[in-house]
Each structure stands twice: as structure tokens, then as C-alpha cells.
Amino acid sequence: MLTALYADANGKIYDAPGYWAVGRTGFFDAALTMDDVIPLPGGTDLMFLPGASAVAVRSGKLESIATSLFAVAAILPVGYTRTHLPAYVKQAEAPFLPLYGYTAVAAHKDRLYVAAVKSDDNAKWHPSRFNTPGLANKIAKVRQELTDNRLVEHLARCSEEWHCCTAENLFYHRWEAGIPVSQTCNANCLGCISLQPSGCCPASQSRITFVPSVAEVAAVGVYHLSGAPEPIISFGQGCEGEPSIAADTIASAVGQIRKHTSRGVININTNAGFTEGLNMIVDAGLDSMRVSVISGREETHQAYYRGNYSLDAVKKSIAYAKKKGVYVSLNMLLLPGLNDQAAEMAAWRLFIQETGVDMIQLRNLNIDPDMVWQALPEISDRSLGIRKFIKELRQEYPDVQIGNFSRYIRTEP
């Protein structure tokens, strides 16, 4: 038996003997079995869900443990993909939950388990490699080497206040480092982590407040690509809007960077809706592109992104990038009960076949699931399961890499 967990008003977590743990996919709750779970990975955080009463199965029936006791969720480290959401009953007037990837969690024989699968392995992103005691000194060093650069100051704040890993990598001088550029966006995503309307769930970080110059962008890019091991610079970070809107700045900066160094990978994380801007950046010398998608169906895609572009525009952007030799990944936003619907899976197959992408990066969607279900009221059928969804993708597209992390895809000159 997998035992349910609950939390009191102070956030203290307990197990509930006699209550069977439940997971949710879409609108459907079901008792979890040992086949659904793995031992709690290191680096997992536990949270209680305010305004959400814990539910479990007792004597064969689903019921609340107590309306005053809150549901508990796990927040997984990178490299793990959740298969079930936590089950709960929202209380009247409950606020939307903050933007995290809530995962079902349970207890068994004094151990904790989560409803997830291990989907990638990359020691570069292990939590122990970040927020180390020496980070402050490394930030000070880069400030001295790249003086009067507003990007350095912004990324220092991202590192110290929000603990952004790609921001920190600039100061550790290694691997993938983010370079935010754009204040504005051509989408209005339900789960935007840098800009949310008043009265909604708070954004988890602030958006960049200035437009960096070509010189500032190029200086950071040259600094990182010239000396870091397996260096990647990425435009399109959580603290900015859509980077392709700043195509003039990025394309000019890429040209400046490549005049100074041919090392490393220049990447963009994008919604791929602004094809004209992306084509300009591709022509300037882009090496890889990661495209954020939640669905291969126009209606589902638009309900989440709420953009001024279509899914066909996304496909056209990918097609041009592939034609120019750019390595293209999908940043596939996953929510159990959504992506693994039969109609969604059929659309994914068509999307992958049409675009010929090189990789699928699985991402647990950080959002209160109720926000999504309200935007997509037609999503009500039982799903096939995230485990089966991933398994079928691997079987049907053996040449497409499937995991969580960006790959270093360049051979150094």
C-alpha cells in the first residue's frame, strides 16, 4: 500500500495510515501503485498546497482526509518527468497555486516515492554544482573583467536572487550560459514565469528591464564562448520575452561574436512564432534552436500561448532552420492528462514527422493544473499515460533524441 500524505496549516507533513495515495491525470483520480512510482530523487522539494484539501482512497472510496488538511506535492529535480499530478479538492475561494511542477508523492515502509520516471542523466545540472560558497567571488571576478555591462549586473541578480542555473554558468565560466535580450513577447502564456496579470499567481522572477546593446551582448558572448568548456550561449531565458523580437540586436551580436571566436554553440530558446526575425538570426550564424510547444494541435497550442501567430508559423520557422543546418529541439511542455490524450498523441506524431526535429526535451509544465483545464474545457477524456507516451515516442522515432537537457552538438575547430 502506498500511503497518502497530508500537511497541517503550519506546513508540517504527515503520513495517513489506512489512506491509499492517489494521483491525478487530467480530471481523473486513481490509487497509485508501486508500478507508478520511483523512490524520491535527491534534490526533490516537498510543498503543501494551500487551499487544496488532501484526498485519498479509504475502504475503496475516494474521500478527503479532512478539509482542514492540505495536499502535499513533490517538486522534482531536472532529469525527471512526472507521470501523475497530486490529487486534491480545491476549497472555496482558493487562489491559483504558484508556478511549480506539482507531482504526486506517497509513502511506503518509511520511504517517500514520487509518480515520475527518470528521463535523462546529465551531471552538469546536478543541484550540487550550483549556489556554491564561491559563487559571490566568481560574480565579482566577471564584473571586473566585463566592466559597465548591464547584462552582467542583470545576470548577477538572476544568480543571487533566483538561482538561475544558466545565469550562474556565466560566472562559473562553463557550459550553457543565458543571455536575455527581449523585454516584449508575441505570446501571453498561461504559465509565463516572468510576467503575470495582477490578481493571478505571482511570476517566479522579474523580466529584464532594459534592452542591452549589441556591444553588451557580444562582449558576454565572446567572453563565454572563447574560454568556457563546451560553451553554449542561449538567447531566450525565463527573465525575458520572445528573443526573436530583438532579432536586429541578436543577429548583429552573433556577427560580432563570430568575428572573434568560432568556438561553441549559439542557441536560441523561442516560441518560433516570429518567422521573419528567426530567419534573420539563423542567417547570422545560429547553431541550435529550442522551440517551446505544448501541443501539435492549433486549438490547444493557441489556448496556452495565446499568441499573435499560428502553429503553422512555428512549423515554417523550424523548416527554415533545418534547411540551414540548425539543430532543432522541441521544448515539450508536459502535463499529465493533456499531452497523452489520444488526439494529442496523433497530432504530436504528425508534428514530428512534418518538422523532422532532432530532439525532444521533456519539461514538466510549471502551473496550477486548474488554470490549464479552465482554458481547455474540452480536455476531458482519459489519457493513455505519460509513461506510455514517452515509450511510444522512443519506439516510433529512434533517430530523435528524447531527454531533458540540451546537447552540446558542435565539434570544436
Protein backbone atom coordinates (compact mmCIF):
# COMPACT_ATOMS: atom_id res chain seq x y z
CA MET A 1 0.00 0.00 0.00
CA LEU A 2 1.22 3.48 -0.90
CA THR A 3 0.18 5.72 1.97
CA ALA A 4 -1.18 9.21 1.39
CA LEU A 5 0.50 12.30 2.80
CA TYR A 6 -1.05 15.49 4.14
CA ALA A 7 0.13 18.73 5.75
CA ASP A 8 -1.23 20.87 8.55
CA ALA A 9 -1.65 24.64 8.47
CA ASN A 10 1.97 25.09 9.61
CA GLY A 11 3.28 23.08 6.67
CA LYS A 12 4.30 20.05 8.71
CA ILE A 13 3.90 16.88 6.65
CA TYR A 14 2.47 13.58 7.94
CA ASP A 15 1.55 10.22 6.50
CA ALA A 16 -2.02 8.93 6.83
CA PRO A 17 -2.09 5.21 7.70
CA GLY A 18 -5.11 3.48 6.22
CA TYR A 19 -5.44 6.04 3.39
CA TRP A 20 -4.21 4.96 -0.03
CA ALA A 21 -2.29 7.60 -2.01
CA VAL A 22 -3.97 8.94 -5.12
CA GLY A 23 -2.61 10.52 -8.29
CA ARG A 24 -4.39 12.57 -10.94
CA THR A 25 -4.19 12.67 -14.73
CA GLY A 26 -6.41 15.29 -16.30
CA PHE A 27 -9.67 15.24 -14.36
CA PHE A 28 -9.33 11.62 -13.23
CA ASP A 29 -8.06 10.33 -9.86
CA ALA A 30 -6.76 6.81 -9.27
CA ALA A 31 -4.97 4.97 -6.47
CA LEU A 32 -1.22 4.84 -7.10
CA THR A 33 0.60 1.51 -7.30
CA MET A 34 4.28 0.70 -6.97
CA ASP A 35 4.42 0.48 -10.79
CA ASP A 36 3.54 4.19 -10.91
CA VAL A 37 6.31 5.47 -8.65
CA ILE A 38 10.05 5.64 -8.06
CA PRO A 39 11.98 6.44 -4.85
CA LEU A 40 12.12 10.16 -4.10
CA PRO A 41 15.16 11.50 -6.02
CA GLY A 42 17.77 13.60 -4.29
CA GLY A 43 17.15 17.31 -4.78
CA THR A 44 13.35 16.94 -4.63
CA ASP A 45 11.39 19.56 -2.67
CA LEU A 46 8.12 18.90 -0.87
CA MET A 47 5.35 21.51 -0.72
CA PHE A 48 1.89 21.69 0.74
CA LEU A 49 -0.85 23.18 -1.41
CA PRO A 50 -2.77 25.99 0.32
CA GLY A 51 -6.49 25.89 -0.36
CA ALA A 52 -6.31 22.28 -1.60
CA SER A 53 -7.62 19.55 0.73
CA ALA A 54 -5.80 16.21 0.67
CA VAL A 55 -7.75 13.27 -0.76
CA ALA A 56 -7.08 9.53 -0.67
CA VAL A 57 -8.78 6.17 -1.07
CA ARG A 58 -10.19 4.52 2.03
CA SER A 59 -12.31 1.36 2.01
CA GLY A 60 -12.41 1.55 -1.76
CA LYS A 61 -13.78 5.09 -1.90
CA LEU A 62 -12.16 8.43 -2.69
CA GLU A 63 -12.58 10.89 0.15
CA SER A 64 -10.99 13.89 1.81
CA ILE A 65 -8.69 13.07 4.71
CA ALA A 66 -10.02 16.26 6.33
CA THR A 67 -10.97 19.59 4.79
CA SER A 68 -8.53 21.39 7.09
CA LEU A 69 -5.57 19.23 6.00
CA PHE A 70 -3.71 20.16 2.84
CA ALA A 71 -2.49 18.10 -0.09
CA VAL A 72 1.25 17.58 -0.50
CA ALA A 73 3.22 17.67 -3.75
CA ALA A 74 6.78 16.96 -4.81
CA ILE A 75 8.80 19.35 -6.99
CA LEU A 76 11.21 17.19 -8.98
CA PRO A 77 14.82 17.98 -9.87
CA VAL A 78 15.76 18.22 -13.53
CA GLY A 79 16.14 14.89 -15.29
CA TYR A 80 12.82 13.51 -14.01
CA THR A 81 9.43 13.65 -15.71
CA ARG A 82 6.24 13.40 -13.66
CA THR A 83 3.52 10.94 -14.60
CA HIS A 84 0.76 11.96 -12.15
CA LEU A 85 -0.39 15.19 -10.58
CA PRO A 86 -1.30 15.30 -6.88
CA ALA A 87 -4.99 14.74 -6.18
CA TYR A 88 -6.90 17.27 -4.08
CA VAL A 89 -10.15 19.14 -3.69
CA LYS A 90 -9.90 22.91 -4.07
CA GLN A 91 -11.56 24.84 -1.26
CA ALA A 92 -13.92 27.72 -1.97
CA GLU A 93 -12.08 30.93 -2.94
CA ALA A 94 -8.76 29.09 -3.12
CA PRO A 95 -6.13 31.09 -5.07
CA PHE A 96 -4.27 29.70 -8.05
CA LEU A 97 -1.14 27.87 -6.97
CA PRO A 98 2.31 29.34 -7.67
CA LEU A 99 4.11 28.29 -10.86
CA TYR A 100 5.68 24.94 -9.94
CA GLY A 101 5.57 21.44 -11.44
CA TYR A 102 3.41 19.66 -8.87
CA THR A 103 3.91 15.87 -8.69
CA ALA A 104 2.06 13.17 -6.73
CA VAL A 105 4.03 11.85 -3.74
CA ALA A 106 3.38 8.99 -1.31
CA ALA A 107 4.96 6.95 1.49
CA HIS A 108 5.77 3.23 1.72
CA LYS A 109 7.68 1.49 4.52
CA ASP A 110 9.28 4.69 5.82
CA ARG A 111 10.35 5.86 2.37
CA LEU A 112 8.91 8.50 0.09
CA TYR A 113 8.04 7.85 -3.55
CA VAL A 114 7.05 10.09 -6.45
CA ALA A 115 4.95 9.46 -9.54
CA ALA A 116 7.69 10.03 -12.10
CA VAL A 117 10.23 8.47 -14.44
CA LYS A 118 13.90 9.24 -14.80
CA SER A 119 14.13 10.66 -18.30
CA ASP A 120 17.70 11.94 -18.63
CA ASP A 121 21.05 11.92 -16.89
CA ASN A 122 23.39 14.88 -17.03
CA ALA A 123 25.70 15.63 -14.12
CA LYS A 124 26.24 19.18 -15.39
CA TRP A 125 22.84 20.18 -13.98
CA HIS A 126 23.05 18.48 -10.60
CA PRO A 127 21.98 20.89 -7.81
CA SER A 128 25.30 20.41 -6.01
CA ARG A 129 27.07 22.24 -8.84
CA PHE A 130 25.16 25.48 -8.27
CA ASN A 131 24.83 28.08 -5.50
CA THR A 132 28.22 27.08 -4.13
CA PRO A 133 30.00 29.14 -1.45
CA GLY A 134 32.41 30.58 -4.02
CA LEU A 135 29.77 31.98 -6.37
CA ALA A 136 29.91 35.53 -4.98
CA ASN A 137 33.66 35.73 -5.68
CA LYS A 138 33.14 34.46 -9.21
CA ILE A 139 30.49 37.12 -9.83
CA ALA A 140 32.91 39.79 -8.59
CA LYS A 141 35.59 38.49 -10.96
CA VAL A 142 33.35 38.73 -14.04
CA ARG A 143 32.25 42.22 -13.01
CA GLN A 144 35.91 43.24 -13.12
CA GLU A 145 36.51 41.59 -16.48
CA LEU A 146 33.33 42.90 -18.14
CA THR A 147 33.00 46.37 -16.64
CA ASP A 148 29.94 48.59 -17.16
CA ASN A 149 27.96 45.78 -18.77
CA ARG A 150 24.31 45.85 -17.72
CA LEU A 151 23.85 42.23 -18.72
CA VAL A 152 26.44 41.16 -16.18
CA GLU A 153 24.57 43.03 -13.46
CA HIS A 154 21.25 41.57 -14.51
CA LEU A 155 22.62 38.02 -14.61
CA ALA A 156 24.25 38.52 -11.23
CA ARG A 157 20.82 39.29 -9.80
CA CYS A 158 19.35 36.24 -11.57
CA SER A 159 22.07 34.12 -9.97
CA GLU A 160 21.86 35.51 -6.45
CA GLU A 161 18.11 36.10 -6.15
CA TRP A 162 16.50 33.46 -8.37
CA HIS A 163 19.37 30.94 -8.54
CA CYS A 164 19.06 30.61 -12.31
CA CYS A 165 21.45 27.89 -13.45
CA THR A 166 22.18 29.32 -16.91
CA ALA A 167 22.87 32.71 -15.34
CA GLU A 168 25.23 31.14 -12.81
CA ASN A 169 27.09 29.30 -15.57
CA LEU A 170 28.32 32.62 -16.95
CA PHE A 171 30.10 33.25 -13.65
CA TYR A 172 31.27 29.66 -13.27
CA HIS A 173 32.50 30.12 -16.87
CA ARG A 174 31.24 26.78 -18.12
CA TRP A 175 28.66 25.06 -20.38
CA GLU A 176 25.36 26.82 -21.19
CA ALA A 177 25.01 30.48 -20.21
CA GLY A 178 21.91 32.54 -20.81
CA ILE A 179 21.87 35.99 -22.42
CA PRO A 180 18.46 37.68 -22.06
CA VAL A 181 17.71 40.41 -24.60
CA SER A 182 13.99 40.98 -25.17
CA GLN A 183 11.54 42.84 -22.91
CA THR A 184 8.49 42.09 -25.06
CA CYS A 185 6.71 38.98 -26.29
CA ASN A 186 4.35 37.92 -29.07
CA ALA A 187 2.56 35.48 -26.75
CA ASN A 188 0.66 35.71 -23.47
CA CYS A 189 1.33 32.29 -21.99
CA LEU A 190 -0.79 30.95 -19.16
CA GLY A 191 2.37 29.77 -17.45
CA CYS A 192 4.68 32.72 -18.12
CA ILE A 193 7.24 32.77 -15.31
CA SER A 194 8.29 36.40 -15.79
CA LEU A 195 5.01 38.25 -16.35
CA GLN A 196 1.55 37.51 -14.95
CA PRO A 197 -1.53 39.75 -14.72
CA SER A 198 -2.46 41.33 -11.41
CA GLY A 199 -4.55 39.02 -9.24
CA CYS A 200 -3.16 35.84 -10.80
CA CYS A 201 -0.41 33.63 -9.45
CA PRO A 202 2.81 35.64 -8.99
CA ALA A 203 5.55 35.35 -11.58
CA SER A 204 8.54 33.45 -10.22
CA GLN A 205 11.05 36.03 -11.49
CA SER A 206 11.12 39.54 -12.93
CA ARG A 207 11.53 40.32 -16.61
CA ILE A 208 14.59 42.21 -17.83
CA THR A 209 14.02 45.98 -17.54
CA PHE A 210 16.30 47.23 -20.34
CA VAL A 211 17.31 46.39 -23.90
CA PRO A 212 21.01 45.51 -23.98
CA SER A 213 23.14 46.93 -26.73
CA VAL A 214 24.82 44.88 -29.43
CA ALA A 215 28.16 45.60 -27.75
CA GLU A 216 26.94 44.34 -24.36
CA VAL A 217 25.55 41.13 -25.86
CA ALA A 218 28.64 40.50 -27.97
CA ALA A 219 31.00 41.09 -25.03
CA VAL A 220 29.25 38.49 -22.89
CA GLY A 221 29.06 36.06 -25.80
CA VAL A 222 32.73 36.35 -26.73
CA TYR A 223 33.78 36.08 -23.08
CA HIS A 224 31.86 32.84 -22.57
CA LEU A 225 32.45 31.11 -25.89
CA SER A 226 36.16 31.92 -26.02
CA GLY A 227 37.20 30.15 -22.84
CA ALA A 228 34.48 28.04 -21.25
CA PRO A 229 34.42 24.23 -21.67
CA GLU A 230 31.70 23.00 -24.07
CA PRO A 231 30.34 26.55 -24.21
CA ILE A 232 26.80 27.44 -25.23
CA ILE A 233 25.20 30.87 -25.16
CA SER A 234 21.40 30.89 -25.20
CA PHE A 235 19.04 33.69 -26.08
CA GLY A 236 15.53 33.28 -24.71
CA GLN A 237 15.59 32.99 -20.92
CA GLY A 238 12.88 32.88 -18.26
CA CYS A 239 13.55 36.53 -17.41
CA GLU A 240 12.66 37.84 -20.86
CA GLY A 241 10.00 37.82 -23.55
CA GLU A 242 10.39 36.32 -27.03
CA PRO A 243 14.03 36.81 -28.15
CA SER A 244 13.32 36.83 -31.89
CA ILE A 245 11.53 40.16 -31.44
CA ALA A 246 15.03 41.55 -30.78
CA ALA A 247 16.29 39.97 -33.99
CA ASP A 248 18.25 43.04 -35.09
CA THR A 249 20.23 43.10 -31.85
CA ILE A 250 20.81 39.36 -31.71
CA ALA A 251 21.77 38.97 -35.38
CA SER A 252 24.23 41.85 -35.15
CA ALA A 253 25.70 40.48 -31.93
CA VAL A 254 26.08 36.99 -33.42
CA GLY A 255 28.01 38.53 -36.31
CA GLN A 256 30.30 40.36 -33.89
CA ILE A 257 30.82 37.24 -31.78
CA ARG A 258 31.79 35.09 -34.75
CA LYS A 259 34.38 37.69 -35.83
CA HIS A 260 36.19 36.97 -32.55
CA THR A 261 35.64 33.25 -31.98
CA SER A 262 34.36 30.20 -33.82
CA ARG A 263 34.11 28.15 -30.62
CA GLY A 264 30.95 26.89 -29.04
CA VAL A 265 27.24 26.83 -29.78
CA ILE A 266 24.94 29.80 -30.26
CA ASN A 267 21.41 28.75 -29.29
CA ILE A 268 18.00 30.38 -29.10
CA ASN A 269 15.04 29.31 -26.96
CA THR A 270 11.94 30.54 -28.77
CA ASN A 271 8.25 30.08 -29.40
CA ALA A 272 9.17 30.22 -33.12
CA GLY A 273 6.16 32.36 -33.95
CA PHE A 274 8.05 35.31 -35.46
CA THR A 275 9.47 33.56 -38.52
CA GLU A 276 10.97 36.67 -40.12
CA GLY A 277 13.01 37.52 -37.04
CA LEU A 278 14.16 33.95 -36.52
CA ASN A 279 15.24 33.63 -40.14
CA MET A 280 17.41 36.72 -39.69
CA ILE A 281 19.07 35.17 -36.62
CA VAL A 282 19.54 31.84 -38.39
CA ASP A 283 21.25 33.58 -41.30
CA ALA A 284 23.57 35.39 -38.89
CA GLY A 285 25.05 32.08 -37.73
CA LEU A 286 22.72 30.31 -35.29
CA ASP A 287 23.77 26.75 -34.39
CA SER A 288 20.77 25.40 -32.46
CA MET A 289 17.17 26.30 -31.74
CA ARG A 290 14.85 25.02 -29.00
CA VAL A 291 11.17 25.60 -29.71
CA SER A 292 8.60 25.79 -26.91
CA VAL A 293 5.47 23.78 -27.74
CA ILE A 294 2.64 22.30 -25.71
CA SER A 295 0.67 20.62 -28.49
CA GLY A 296 0.63 19.69 -32.16
CA ARG A 297 -2.99 20.90 -32.36
CA GLU A 298 -3.68 24.53 -33.20
CA GLU A 299 -6.57 24.90 -30.74
CA THR A 300 -4.60 23.52 -27.78
CA HIS A 301 -1.46 25.44 -28.71
CA GLN A 302 -3.31 28.73 -29.02
CA ALA A 303 -5.28 28.23 -25.78
CA TYR A 304 -1.99 28.06 -23.85
CA TYR A 305 0.27 30.52 -25.72
CA ARG A 306 -2.47 33.00 -26.69
CA GLY A 307 -0.05 34.44 -29.25
CA ASN A 308 -0.37 36.55 -32.37
CA TYR A 309 0.99 33.70 -34.50
CA SER A 310 -0.17 30.26 -35.61
CA LEU A 311 1.25 26.78 -35.24
CA ASP A 312 1.89 26.85 -38.98
CA ALA A 313 4.27 29.79 -38.40
CA VAL A 314 6.14 27.65 -35.87
CA LYS A 315 6.50 24.87 -38.43
CA LYS A 316 7.76 27.33 -41.07
CA SER A 317 10.40 28.65 -38.65
CA ILE A 318 11.58 25.12 -37.92
CA ALA A 319 11.66 24.25 -41.62
CA TYR A 320 13.88 27.24 -42.44
CA ALA A 321 16.23 26.49 -39.55
CA LYS A 322 16.54 22.85 -40.55
CA LYS A 323 17.21 23.86 -44.17
CA LYS A 324 20.11 26.00 -42.92
CA GLY A 325 21.60 23.16 -40.87
CA VAL A 326 20.41 24.31 -37.43
CA TYR A 327 19.94 21.61 -34.78
CA VAL A 328 16.30 21.88 -33.65
CA SER A 329 14.86 20.66 -30.35
CA LEU A 330 11.31 20.82 -29.06
CA ASN A 331 10.86 22.13 -25.54
CA MET A 332 7.78 19.95 -24.96
CA LEU A 333 5.68 21.22 -22.06
CA LEU A 334 4.13 18.20 -20.33
CA LEU A 335 1.03 17.99 -18.15
CA PRO A 336 -0.33 14.52 -17.28
CA GLY A 337 -3.74 14.15 -18.84
CA LEU A 338 -3.10 16.68 -21.60
CA ASN A 339 -0.24 15.71 -23.93
CA ASP A 340 -1.01 11.99 -23.60
CA GLN A 341 -4.59 12.25 -24.83
CA ALA A 342 -5.19 10.11 -27.93
CA ALA A 343 -5.95 13.15 -30.12
CA GLU A 344 -2.89 14.98 -28.81
CA MET A 345 -0.64 11.98 -29.43
CA ALA A 346 -1.86 11.73 -33.02
CA ALA A 347 -1.09 15.43 -33.52
CA TRP A 348 2.37 15.02 -31.99
CA ARG A 349 3.18 12.25 -34.45
CA LEU A 350 2.21 14.45 -37.37
CA PHE A 351 4.14 17.44 -35.98
CA ILE A 352 7.34 15.42 -35.50
CA GLN A 353 7.07 13.88 -38.97
CA GLU A 354 6.45 17.24 -40.64
CA THR A 355 9.24 19.13 -38.88
CA GLY A 356 11.97 16.48 -38.66
CA VAL A 357 13.21 17.81 -35.32
CA ASP A 358 16.43 16.41 -33.87
CA MET A 359 15.46 16.22 -30.21
CA ILE A 360 12.52 16.39 -27.81
CA GLN A 361 13.26 17.92 -24.41
CA LEU A 362 10.59 16.95 -21.89
CA ARG A 363 9.56 19.72 -19.49
CA ASN A 364 7.22 19.42 -16.53
CA LEU A 365 4.83 22.34 -17.01
CA ASN A 366 5.08 24.69 -14.04
CA ILE A 367 1.49 25.77 -13.46
CA ASP A 368 -1.63 25.21 -11.39
CA PRO A 369 -3.33 22.46 -13.47
CA ASP A 370 -6.72 24.11 -12.90
CA MET A 371 -5.56 27.10 -14.95
CA VAL A 372 -5.00 24.80 -17.91
CA TRP A 373 -8.25 22.89 -17.52
CA GLN A 374 -10.18 26.16 -17.38
CA ALA A 375 -8.55 27.28 -20.62
CA LEU A 376 -9.15 23.87 -22.24
CA PRO A 377 -12.62 22.74 -21.12
CA GLU A 378 -12.79 20.19 -23.94
CA ILE A 379 -9.92 18.16 -22.42
CA SER A 380 -11.92 15.52 -20.54
CA ASP A 381 -11.09 12.06 -21.91
CA ARG A 382 -8.91 9.64 -20.02
CA SER A 383 -5.29 9.75 -21.13
CA LEU A 384 -3.00 6.91 -22.15
CA GLY A 385 -0.38 7.80 -19.52
CA ILE A 386 2.88 9.74 -19.65
CA ARG A 387 4.97 6.57 -19.34
CA LYS A 388 3.31 5.08 -22.42
CA PHE A 389 3.50 8.43 -24.21
CA ILE A 390 7.30 8.62 -23.75
CA LYS A 391 7.76 4.93 -24.56
CA GLU A 392 5.86 5.25 -27.84
CA LEU A 393 7.85 8.34 -28.84
CA ARG A 394 11.10 6.47 -28.26
CA GLN A 395 9.91 3.45 -30.23
CA GLU A 396 8.44 5.36 -33.18
CA TYR A 397 11.25 7.92 -33.55
CA PRO A 398 14.52 6.15 -32.71
CA ASP A 399 16.56 8.84 -34.50
CA VAL A 400 15.08 11.62 -32.36
CA GLN A 401 16.85 12.15 -29.03
CA ILE A 402 14.43 12.27 -26.11
CA GLY A 403 15.50 13.63 -22.74
CA ASN A 404 15.56 16.81 -20.67
CA PHE A 405 18.83 18.58 -21.36
CA SER A 406 20.32 20.46 -24.29
CA ARG A 407 23.14 18.62 -26.04
CA TYR A 408 26.45 20.11 -26.99
CA ILE A 409 26.28 19.46 -30.73
CA ARG A 410 29.33 21.27 -32.12
CA THR A 411 32.76 19.86 -32.94
CA GLU A 412 35.36 22.41 -31.96
CA PRO A 413 37.55 23.74 -34.80
